[in-house]
Amino acid sequence: MITVSTSSAPAITSSAAADFASGTAGSVAVTTTGVPTPALTYTGTLPTGIGFKDNGNGTATISGSSTQVGAFPIVVTAANGVTPNAQQTLTVNVGTAPTVSNAAPPAATVGTPYSSR
């Protein structure tokens, strides 16, 4: 019996941005390819309340809730022992959540043109 093993360098296949609304819990997946399965790490500073977890299966999860509004660039590295390692600058964006107004529209009068914005 002949066994053939193949190896391939890692690649990061997910988006270069992770968007969160301030004060609202969220989760974004980081995905990769490569054989063997890549491990994921990051360098940089995440906003308070947001974490990074290597799931051990070629994916990582960026999740949590933060009120620290802004853009936070990190560098994600995927490594599996086959060179070169893959790196991607990923920006974690925390934005102000939109507000919704439930105010009643102005009263209308029959026979008068009406506009509400």
Foldseek 3Di string as FASTA:
>chain_A
DDDDDDWDAKEWDDDQEAEAEAQDKDKDKTAMDIPPQWWKDKDWDDAPFWDWAGPVRRMIMIIGHHNPADKTWMKMWTGDPDPDIYIGTHIYGYHHDDDDDPDDFDDDDPPDDDDTD
